[in-house]
Amino acid sequence: MKIKSAFSTQDTADASVNELATNLAPLNPKMVLFFASTKYDPESICQQMQDAFPQSQVFGCSTSGEITSGQMFSNGIVAMAFSDVALQDLSIQVVEDLQDGQALNDAFAAFEAHVQAPMAELDPSKYVGLLLIDGLAGAEEAFIESIGDLTNVIFIGGSAGDDLKFAATQVYANGKSYRNAAILALLKPGVEFTFIKTQSFRDLGKTLEVTRADESRREVIEFNGKPAAVGYAEAVGTTVDKAPEFFMQNPVGLFIDDEPYVRSPQQIQGTSILFYCGVVEGMELSLLESTDMIEDTRQAIEQAREDLGGISGIINFNCILRTLELTQKNRTADYGKLFEGVPTVGFSTYGEQFIGHINQTATMLVFK
């Protein structure tokens, strides 16, 4: 077996880590990726995970729900182990301060020293990046844009969660816990890989242009020259008071090459709307309507299986808003079953990364 996943919902970090180690240690993993509920003390869980796999590079983050093969659940921990067959090489770097403009450059310099080649010249069909980032720092847009300026290697990932407390999110590496930080992993898989970006929406044909915004706050002040809350409410055919009831069903999206990159409204503040990810003045957004998330995801997985000729593992970064919608519709079990029989780890994120920073999307890294 090249890739193996495991999960635990034991009450203590000790018991959960022991259960994971029992399942995964026989693989003699080169790398272990884990996602853990905040019911586990951050300092304890990251140190114990590193101690359980002393010969492995171990990293992960906190969550707002977990995903494993055949199941979607909460208040647990999931982990994936990679053998040296599945993973030829890797390097992990920690950016400890997201406001430090030099820190990302230093991380990439370390990658270059490791692979003995410029990051700008690496073959994106042979290398892939993973990104785990503080989900409450509001720094994702600038960070992922800077990565795109430095390399053609695709970095895919998610923003850490904290079980909907919105108090503190954590990223983990080297047995340590970090806030206002990001973990970057540069991988050279020993197997083929591909990506899934799936969002279950259709375009309603209504355009909302951002005519005024406070980009630093992810705040839209005006849509189409009107107060943002008014413009949005008119587009969905409701009142401003009831508009938040439509946020999950009717987010907006920026279309690039006929693909929507979702921008999810968070709350109305005064007459403005705050969003979960970046908006800029002049951006033309399309009003969206949710469709069948289960069927869309099933089709995306089957397409990836066909493209690769089989699947040996999936890492799934699934937006918390998708999880809330599935919970609302009583379909979390159906979603989990989509990954039955395939080694899978994932978590409910506070945002997803794939080329840019997005919401209400699942971004997945899929291995043959």
Protein backbone atom coordinates (compact mmCIF):
# COMPACT_ATOMS: atom_id res chain seq x y z
CA MET A 1 0.00 0.00 0.00
CA LYS A 2 1.40 3.41 -1.05
CA ILE A 3 -1.01 5.67 0.84
CA LYS A 4 -3.10 4.90 3.90
CA SER A 5 -5.56 6.95 5.96
CA ALA A 6 -6.92 6.53 9.46
CA PHE A 7 -9.13 8.38 11.92
CA SER A 8 -9.96 8.51 15.59
CA THR A 9 -12.66 10.05 17.75
CA GLN A 10 -11.23 9.06 21.11
CA ASP A 11 -11.73 11.56 23.92
CA THR A 12 -8.05 12.22 24.62
CA ALA A 13 -5.11 13.12 22.44
CA ASP A 14 -3.17 10.15 23.87
CA ALA A 15 -5.81 7.64 22.90
CA SER A 16 -6.42 9.15 19.47
CA VAL A 17 -2.75 9.37 18.54
CA ASN A 18 -2.17 5.79 19.70
CA GLU A 19 -5.03 4.62 17.51
CA LEU A 20 -3.64 6.46 14.49
CA ALA A 21 -0.13 5.14 15.09
CA THR A 22 -1.38 1.57 15.35
CA ASN A 23 -3.00 1.91 11.94
CA LEU A 24 -0.39 3.96 10.10
CA ALA A 25 3.05 3.24 11.60
CA PRO A 26 3.41 -0.18 9.83
CA LEU A 27 3.57 1.74 6.52
CA ASN A 28 6.84 3.32 7.72
CA PRO A 29 5.59 6.64 6.34
CA LYS A 30 7.81 9.30 4.86
CA MET A 31 5.15 11.94 5.55
CA VAL A 32 2.08 12.12 7.78
CA LEU A 33 -0.58 14.78 7.20
CA PHE A 34 -3.22 15.26 9.89
CA PHE A 35 -6.29 17.40 10.57
CA ALA A 36 -7.59 17.66 14.14
CA SER A 37 -10.55 19.09 16.01
CA THR A 38 -9.86 21.82 18.53
CA LYS A 39 -11.12 19.51 21.27
CA TYR A 40 -7.47 18.40 21.35
CA ASP A 41 -5.06 20.84 22.97
CA PRO A 42 -2.99 22.37 20.11
CA GLU A 43 0.41 22.05 21.78
CA SER A 44 -0.31 18.50 22.88
CA ILE A 45 -1.71 17.09 19.65
CA CYS A 46 1.07 18.36 17.40
CA GLN A 47 3.85 17.15 19.71
CA GLN A 48 2.25 13.76 20.22
CA MET A 49 1.73 13.28 16.48
CA GLN A 50 5.40 14.03 15.82
CA ASP A 51 6.46 11.71 18.64
CA ALA A 52 4.27 8.92 17.25
CA PHE A 53 6.01 9.10 13.87
CA PRO A 54 9.61 10.05 14.73
CA GLN A 55 11.00 9.07 11.31
CA SER A 56 8.33 11.00 9.39
CA GLN A 57 7.75 14.61 8.49
CA VAL A 58 4.48 15.43 10.23
CA PHE A 59 2.27 18.48 9.72
CA GLY A 60 -1.38 19.53 9.79
CA CYS A 61 -3.90 22.02 11.15
CA SER A 62 -7.02 22.53 13.24
CA THR A 63 -10.45 21.98 11.72
CA SER A 64 -14.18 22.56 11.80
CA GLY A 65 -15.04 18.97 10.98
CA GLU A 66 -13.17 16.04 9.48
CA ILE A 67 -13.45 13.80 6.42
CA THR A 68 -12.08 10.28 5.96
CA SER A 69 -12.78 7.27 3.76
CA GLY A 70 -16.55 6.84 3.77
CA GLN A 71 -17.27 9.30 6.58
CA MET A 72 -17.82 12.96 7.34
CA PHE A 73 -17.80 13.70 11.06
CA SER A 74 -16.61 16.15 13.73
CA ASN A 75 -14.67 16.24 17.01
CA GLY A 76 -12.02 13.83 15.82
CA ILE A 77 -8.71 13.56 14.01
CA VAL A 78 -7.83 12.19 10.57
CA ALA A 79 -4.39 11.39 9.19
CA MET A 80 -2.80 10.18 5.96
CA ALA A 81 0.52 8.38 5.68
CA PHE A 82 2.63 8.36 2.52
CA SER A 83 5.23 5.67 1.81
CA ASP A 84 8.46 6.46 0.01
CA VAL A 85 6.90 4.89 -3.09
CA ALA A 86 4.03 7.39 -3.06
CA LEU A 87 6.30 10.29 -2.20
CA GLN A 88 9.81 10.54 -3.63
CA ASP A 89 10.77 13.79 -1.92
CA LEU A 90 9.37 16.60 0.21
CA SER A 91 10.35 19.77 2.01
CA ILE A 92 8.28 21.54 4.66
CA GLN A 93 8.66 25.23 5.52
CA VAL A 94 6.88 27.33 8.14
CA VAL A 95 6.04 30.98 7.54
CA GLU A 96 5.71 32.09 11.15
CA ASP A 97 4.43 35.63 10.52
CA LEU A 98 1.98 36.22 7.68
CA GLN A 99 2.68 39.96 7.82
CA ASP A 100 6.41 39.45 7.23
CA GLY A 101 6.89 40.18 3.54
CA GLN A 102 10.28 38.44 3.44
CA ALA A 103 9.20 35.21 5.13
CA LEU A 104 7.66 33.65 2.01
CA ASN A 105 10.77 34.46 -0.02
CA ASP A 106 12.88 32.80 2.65
CA ALA A 107 10.68 29.70 2.53
CA PHE A 108 11.05 29.49 -1.24
CA ALA A 109 14.82 29.98 -0.96
CA ALA A 110 14.85 26.97 1.35
CA PHE A 111 12.83 24.96 -1.19
CA GLU A 112 15.34 25.90 -3.89
CA ALA A 113 18.25 24.82 -1.72
CA HIS A 114 16.48 21.51 -1.11
CA VAL A 115 15.69 20.67 -4.76
CA GLN A 116 18.81 22.39 -6.14
CA ALA A 117 16.77 24.25 -8.74
CA PRO A 118 14.87 27.56 -9.06
CA MET A 119 11.23 27.28 -8.01
CA ALA A 120 10.26 29.18 -11.17
CA GLU A 121 11.69 26.34 -13.27
CA LEU A 122 10.18 23.33 -11.50
CA ASP A 123 7.94 21.09 -13.61
CA PRO A 124 4.35 21.43 -12.27
CA SER A 125 3.56 17.94 -13.54
CA LYS A 126 6.20 16.50 -11.19
CA TYR A 127 5.89 18.77 -8.15
CA VAL A 128 2.88 19.95 -6.16
CA GLY A 129 2.52 22.18 -3.10
CA LEU A 130 0.29 21.94 -0.05
CA LEU A 131 -0.70 25.06 1.89
CA LEU A 132 -2.25 25.16 5.35
CA ILE A 133 -2.83 28.66 6.68
CA ASP A 134 -4.36 30.44 9.67
CA GLY A 135 -8.06 30.74 8.84
CA LEU A 136 -8.67 33.89 10.87
CA ALA A 137 -5.74 36.08 9.81
CA GLY A 138 -7.41 37.29 6.58
CA ALA A 139 -4.11 36.98 4.73
CA GLU A 140 -4.89 34.27 2.18
CA GLU A 141 -5.38 36.38 -0.94
CA ALA A 142 -2.05 38.18 -0.81
CA PHE A 143 -0.22 35.04 0.27
CA ILE A 144 -1.46 32.77 -2.52
CA GLU A 145 -0.97 35.55 -5.07
CA SER A 146 2.65 35.90 -3.98
CA ILE A 147 3.14 32.14 -4.34
CA GLY A 148 1.83 32.39 -7.90
CA ASP A 149 4.41 35.07 -8.65
CA LEU A 150 7.24 32.79 -7.51
CA THR A 151 6.44 29.45 -9.16
CA ASN A 152 4.28 27.56 -11.65
CA VAL A 153 3.93 24.70 -9.19
CA ILE A 154 0.31 24.60 -8.00
CA PHE A 155 -0.20 24.99 -4.26
CA ILE A 156 -3.52 23.62 -3.08
CA GLY A 157 -4.84 23.76 0.45
CA GLY A 158 -7.17 25.11 3.07
CA SER A 159 -7.56 27.67 5.82
CA ALA A 160 -7.52 26.12 9.30
CA GLY A 161 -10.76 26.05 11.30
CA ASP A 162 -11.66 25.99 14.98
CA ASP A 163 -15.00 24.19 15.17
CA LEU A 164 -16.93 27.41 14.42
CA LYS A 165 -15.66 29.19 17.54
CA PHE A 166 -13.90 31.83 15.39
CA ALA A 167 -11.43 32.40 18.21
CA ALA A 168 -8.09 30.85 17.17
CA THR A 169 -6.97 28.54 14.38
CA GLN A 170 -3.74 26.57 14.40
CA VAL A 171 -1.26 25.10 11.93
CA TYR A 172 1.17 22.38 13.01
CA ALA A 173 4.66 21.27 11.96
CA ASN A 174 7.80 19.90 13.60
CA GLY A 175 5.84 19.14 16.78
CA LYS A 176 4.96 22.82 17.20
CA SER A 177 1.73 24.81 16.97
CA TYR A 178 1.58 28.17 15.17
CA ARG A 179 -0.91 31.02 14.77
CA ASN A 180 -0.83 33.82 12.18
CA ALA A 181 1.28 31.39 10.19
CA ALA A 182 1.30 29.06 7.20
CA ILE A 183 2.75 25.63 6.52
CA LEU A 184 4.09 25.09 3.00
CA ALA A 185 4.97 21.62 1.76
CA LEU A 186 6.67 21.02 -1.57
CA LEU A 187 6.04 17.43 -2.68
CA LYS A 188 7.49 15.30 -5.46
CA PRO A 189 5.02 12.42 -5.64
CA GLY A 190 6.13 9.04 -6.92
CA VAL A 191 2.73 8.60 -8.57
CA GLU A 192 0.67 10.67 -10.97
CA PHE A 193 -1.66 13.28 -9.48
CA THR A 194 -4.42 15.63 -10.50
CA PHE A 195 -6.72 18.23 -8.95
CA ILE A 196 -10.42 18.56 -8.30
CA LYS A 197 -12.09 21.93 -7.85
CA THR A 198 -15.80 21.46 -7.44
CA GLN A 199 -18.48 23.95 -6.51
CA SER A 200 -22.15 23.17 -6.97
CA PHE A 201 -23.68 26.31 -8.42
CA ARG A 202 -25.29 27.59 -11.58
CA ASP A 203 -25.17 31.14 -12.92
CA LEU A 204 -28.48 32.98 -12.59
CA GLY A 205 -27.47 35.53 -15.23
CA LYS A 206 -27.50 38.51 -12.87
CA THR A 207 -24.36 40.65 -12.54
CA LEU A 208 -23.35 42.51 -9.39
CA GLU A 209 -20.49 44.90 -10.05
CA VAL A 210 -18.44 45.96 -7.04
CA THR A 211 -18.60 49.73 -7.46
CA ARG A 212 -17.19 50.53 -4.02
CA ALA A 213 -15.25 48.36 -1.60
CA ASP A 214 -12.90 48.33 1.37
CA GLU A 215 -10.63 45.60 0.10
CA SER A 216 -8.62 45.30 3.32
CA ARG A 217 -11.81 44.32 5.21
CA ARG A 218 -13.28 42.12 2.43
CA GLU A 219 -16.18 44.60 2.51
CA VAL A 220 -18.42 45.49 -0.42
CA ILE A 221 -19.91 48.91 0.17
CA GLU A 222 -21.79 49.23 -3.12
CA PHE A 223 -23.11 46.85 -5.77
CA ASN A 224 -24.15 48.44 -9.06
CA GLY A 225 -23.94 51.90 -7.47
CA LYS A 226 -26.37 51.00 -4.67
CA PRO A 227 -25.71 50.10 -1.04
CA ALA A 228 -24.40 46.55 -1.22
CA ALA A 229 -27.13 45.02 0.95
CA VAL A 230 -29.79 46.68 -1.20
CA GLY A 231 -28.19 45.62 -4.47
CA TYR A 232 -27.83 42.03 -3.33
CA ALA A 233 -31.37 41.85 -1.90
CA GLU A 234 -32.85 43.17 -5.14
CA ALA A 235 -30.89 40.60 -7.16
CA VAL A 236 -32.23 37.66 -5.16
CA GLY A 237 -35.72 39.17 -4.89
CA THR A 238 -35.97 39.71 -1.16
CA THR A 239 -35.63 42.40 1.49
CA VAL A 240 -32.43 43.53 3.15
CA ASP A 241 -33.61 42.04 6.46
CA LYS A 242 -34.07 38.60 4.90
CA ALA A 243 -31.04 38.73 2.58
CA PRO A 244 -28.71 36.76 4.94
CA GLU A 245 -31.08 33.80 4.66
CA PHE A 246 -30.00 33.55 0.99
CA PHE A 247 -26.23 33.82 1.51
CA MET A 248 -25.59 30.05 1.53
CA GLN A 249 -27.94 29.26 -1.35
CA ASN A 250 -27.02 32.32 -3.42
CA PRO A 251 -23.40 33.43 -3.12
CA VAL A 252 -21.69 35.29 -5.94
CA GLY A 253 -18.86 34.18 -8.19
CA LEU A 254 -16.08 35.55 -10.34
CA PHE A 255 -16.01 33.65 -13.63
CA ILE A 256 -12.63 32.79 -15.15
CA ASP A 257 -12.65 30.60 -18.27
CA ASP A 258 -16.30 29.73 -17.56
CA GLU A 259 -15.40 28.48 -14.07
CA PRO A 260 -16.90 30.22 -11.01
CA TYR A 261 -14.57 31.23 -8.20
CA VAL A 262 -17.03 31.67 -5.35
CA ARG A 263 -17.16 34.70 -3.06
CA SER A 264 -19.40 33.93 -0.09
CA PRO A 265 -21.21 36.69 1.83
CA GLN A 266 -20.63 36.50 5.56
CA GLN A 267 -22.83 39.17 7.11
CA ILE A 268 -24.50 42.51 6.55
CA GLN A 269 -22.87 45.35 8.46
CA GLY A 270 -24.85 48.56 8.17
CA THR A 271 -25.62 48.61 4.45
CA SER A 272 -22.36 46.89 3.47
CA ILE A 273 -21.72 43.16 3.05
CA LEU A 274 -18.66 41.48 4.52
CA PHE A 275 -17.31 38.49 2.59
CA TYR A 276 -15.31 35.40 3.50
CA CYS A 277 -12.73 36.13 0.80
CA GLY A 278 -11.38 39.00 -1.21
CA VAL A 279 -13.38 41.41 -3.35
CA VAL A 280 -12.00 44.35 -5.30
CA GLU A 281 -13.57 47.40 -6.86
CA GLY A 282 -14.54 46.87 -10.48
CA MET A 283 -14.98 43.12 -10.03
CA GLU A 284 -18.03 41.81 -11.89
CA LEU A 285 -19.64 39.04 -9.89
CA SER A 286 -22.41 36.71 -11.01
CA LEU A 287 -25.27 35.72 -8.73
CA LEU A 288 -25.21 31.95 -8.21
CA GLU A 289 -27.68 29.30 -7.08
CA SER A 290 -26.70 26.03 -5.42
CA THR A 291 -27.28 22.72 -7.20
CA ASP A 292 -26.72 19.05 -6.25
CA MET A 293 -23.44 18.95 -4.31
CA ILE A 294 -23.43 15.16 -3.98
CA GLU A 295 -23.86 14.47 -7.67
CA ASP A 296 -21.40 17.18 -8.72
CA THR A 297 -18.75 15.78 -6.39
CA ARG A 298 -19.41 12.21 -7.51
CA GLN A 299 -18.90 13.21 -11.13
CA ALA A 300 -15.70 15.09 -10.30
CA ILE A 301 -14.23 12.07 -8.49
CA GLU A 302 -15.19 9.73 -11.32
CA GLN A 303 -13.58 12.07 -13.86
CA ALA A 304 -10.37 12.15 -11.81
CA ARG A 305 -10.44 8.33 -11.55
CA GLU A 306 -10.84 8.06 -15.32
CA ASP A 307 -8.09 10.60 -16.01
CA LEU A 308 -5.60 8.86 -13.72
CA GLY A 309 -6.65 5.27 -14.30
CA GLY A 310 -7.36 4.78 -10.60
CA ILE A 311 -7.09 6.58 -7.25
CA SER A 312 -4.83 5.65 -4.34
CA GLY A 313 -5.52 8.69 -2.16
CA ILE A 314 -7.44 11.97 -1.85
CA ILE A 315 -6.75 15.07 0.25
CA ASN A 316 -9.99 17.07 0.47
CA PHE A 317 -10.23 20.73 1.53
CA ASN A 318 -13.99 21.24 1.86
CA CYS A 319 -15.50 24.62 2.76
CA ILE A 320 -17.31 24.87 6.09
CA LEU A 321 -20.22 26.47 4.23
CA ARG A 322 -20.57 23.31 2.14
CA THR A 323 -20.51 21.28 5.34
CA LEU A 324 -23.21 23.47 6.87
CA GLU A 325 -25.35 23.08 3.75
CA LEU A 326 -24.91 19.30 3.83
CA THR A 327 -25.83 19.28 7.52
CA GLN A 328 -28.87 21.45 6.86
CA LYS A 329 -30.02 19.02 4.14
CA ASN A 330 -29.13 15.94 6.23
CA ARG A 331 -26.67 14.72 3.57
CA THR A 332 -23.33 14.50 5.39
CA ALA A 333 -23.49 10.69 5.34
CA ASP A 334 -24.08 10.76 1.57
CA TYR A 335 -21.06 13.01 1.09
CA GLY A 336 -18.82 10.79 3.19
CA LYS A 337 -19.82 7.71 1.20
CA LEU A 338 -18.47 9.32 -1.98
CA PHE A 339 -14.98 8.54 -0.64
CA GLU A 340 -15.71 4.99 0.47
CA GLY A 341 -12.96 2.54 -0.42
CA VAL A 342 -10.39 5.28 -1.16
CA PRO A 343 -7.79 6.41 1.40
CA THR A 344 -9.04 9.94 2.14
CA VAL A 345 -8.32 12.74 4.59
CA GLY A 346 -9.89 16.15 4.64
CA PHE A 347 -11.44 18.82 6.77
CA SER A 348 -14.03 21.58 6.81
CA THR A 349 -12.07 24.73 6.09
CA TYR A 350 -12.45 28.47 6.60
CA GLY A 351 -11.44 28.91 2.94
CA GLU A 352 -9.85 26.96 0.11
CA GLN A 353 -6.74 27.59 -1.95
CA PHE A 354 -6.35 26.61 -5.59
CA ILE A 355 -4.66 29.22 -7.77
CA GLY A 356 -6.51 31.82 -5.66
CA HIS A 357 -8.42 31.98 -2.36
CA ILE A 358 -12.05 30.86 -2.69
CA ASN A 359 -15.11 29.77 -0.69
CA GLN A 360 -17.99 27.29 -0.89
CA THR A 361 -15.73 25.01 -2.90
CA ALA A 362 -13.94 21.70 -2.41
CA THR A 363 -10.35 21.64 -3.66
CA MET A 364 -8.78 18.19 -3.74
CA LEU A 365 -5.40 16.69 -4.49
CA VAL A 366 -5.88 13.23 -6.00
CA PHE A 367 -3.14 10.58 -6.34
CA LYS A 368 -3.10 7.62 -8.73
